[in-house]
């Protein structure tokens, strides 16, 4: 069973120039959403992008601490070349 619960929301004041508001309104109209909904989506996209960026940095740091074994990389490359499907 799926429950649709709404999260309490907090109103925040954000100052935007007229051109940006106009462009946001045009996009919101094209997408069939409110300006608020569009800005919530944008805020979530920024947070998600930051999470991906941080995960990438952590992965890079892990490989810098413990580099991948070159033999494993070469073997994986050969296996990929041998198993690539015919198009």
Protein backbone atom coordinates (compact mmCIF):
# COMPACT_ATOMS: atom_id res chain seq x y z
CA UNK A 1 0.00 0.00 0.00
CA UNK A 2 1.37 3.41 -0.96
CA UNK A 3 0.77 6.43 1.22
CA UNK A 4 1.15 9.92 -0.14
CA UNK A 5 2.15 12.09 2.77
CA UNK A 6 3.04 15.70 2.22
CA UNK A 7 6.09 17.05 3.92
CA UNK A 8 5.69 20.28 5.83
CA UNK A 9 7.13 23.13 3.81
CA UNK A 10 8.88 26.30 4.83
CA UNK A 11 8.49 29.47 2.83
CA UNK A 12 11.81 31.11 1.98
CA UNK A 13 12.51 34.44 0.39
CA UNK A 14 14.78 34.31 -2.64
CA UNK A 15 15.68 37.40 -4.61
CA UNK A 16 15.82 36.92 -8.38
CA UNK A 17 16.14 39.47 -11.16
CA UNK A 18 13.21 40.05 -13.51
CA UNK A 19 14.81 38.23 -16.46
CA UNK A 20 15.43 35.09 -14.42
CA UNK A 21 11.85 35.11 -13.06
CA UNK A 22 10.48 35.50 -16.57
CA UNK A 23 12.59 32.61 -17.87
CA UNK A 24 11.58 30.41 -14.93
CA UNK A 25 7.92 31.24 -15.51
CA UNK A 26 8.21 30.38 -19.19
CA UNK A 27 9.82 27.03 -18.38
CA UNK A 28 7.26 26.30 -15.65
CA UNK A 29 4.46 27.00 -18.13
CA UNK A 30 6.02 24.72 -20.75
CA UNK A 31 6.40 21.94 -18.17
CA UNK A 32 2.94 22.50 -16.68
CA UNK A 33 4.20 23.11 -13.15
CA UNK A 34 4.19 26.05 -10.76
CA UNK A 35 7.22 28.27 -10.31
CA UNK A 36 7.55 26.91 -6.77
CA UNK A 37 7.53 23.32 -7.98
CA UNK A 38 10.12 24.16 -10.62
CA UNK A 39 12.38 25.80 -8.02
CA UNK A 40 11.98 22.79 -5.68
CA UNK A 41 13.05 20.51 -8.54
CA UNK A 42 16.02 22.77 -9.20
CA UNK A 43 17.04 22.75 -5.55
CA UNK A 44 16.84 18.95 -5.45
CA UNK A 45 18.91 18.72 -8.66
CA UNK A 46 21.61 20.92 -7.12
CA UNK A 47 21.71 18.76 -3.99
CA UNK A 48 21.82 15.55 -6.03
CA UNK A 49 24.61 16.92 -8.23
CA UNK A 50 26.59 17.82 -5.11
CA UNK A 51 26.11 14.28 -3.78
CA UNK A 52 27.37 12.80 -7.06
CA UNK A 53 30.34 15.19 -7.04
CA UNK A 54 31.25 14.20 -3.49
CA UNK A 55 30.89 10.48 -4.27
CA UNK A 56 33.17 10.93 -7.30
CA UNK A 57 35.77 12.68 -5.15
CA UNK A 58 35.62 9.87 -2.59
CA UNK A 59 36.03 7.23 -5.31
CA UNK A 60 39.01 9.05 -6.81
CA UNK A 61 40.58 9.39 -3.37
CA UNK A 62 40.08 5.67 -2.72
CA UNK A 63 41.83 4.75 -5.97
CA UNK A 64 44.64 7.17 -5.13
CA UNK A 65 45.10 5.49 -1.76
CA UNK A 66 44.92 1.99 -3.27
CA UNK A 67 45.48 2.03 -7.03
CA UNK A 68 43.84 -0.68 -9.08
CA UNK A 69 46.06 -3.64 -9.93
CA UNK A 70 47.24 -3.14 -13.56
CA UNK A 71 46.84 -6.87 -14.20
CA UNK A 72 43.15 -6.68 -13.29
CA UNK A 73 42.67 -3.66 -15.56
CA UNK A 74 44.39 -5.39 -18.48
CA UNK A 75 42.42 -8.59 -17.95
CA UNK A 76 39.12 -6.70 -17.78
CA UNK A 77 40.02 -4.87 -21.00
CA UNK A 78 40.77 -8.12 -22.81
CA UNK A 79 37.58 -9.73 -21.51
CA UNK A 80 35.52 -6.73 -22.62
CA UNK A 81 37.10 -6.83 -26.10
CA UNK A 82 36.39 -10.55 -26.40
CA UNK A 83 32.77 -10.35 -25.26
CA UNK A 84 31.62 -7.23 -27.08
CA UNK A 85 28.46 -8.06 -29.06
CA UNK A 86 28.46 -7.95 -32.84
CA UNK A 87 26.40 -5.06 -34.14
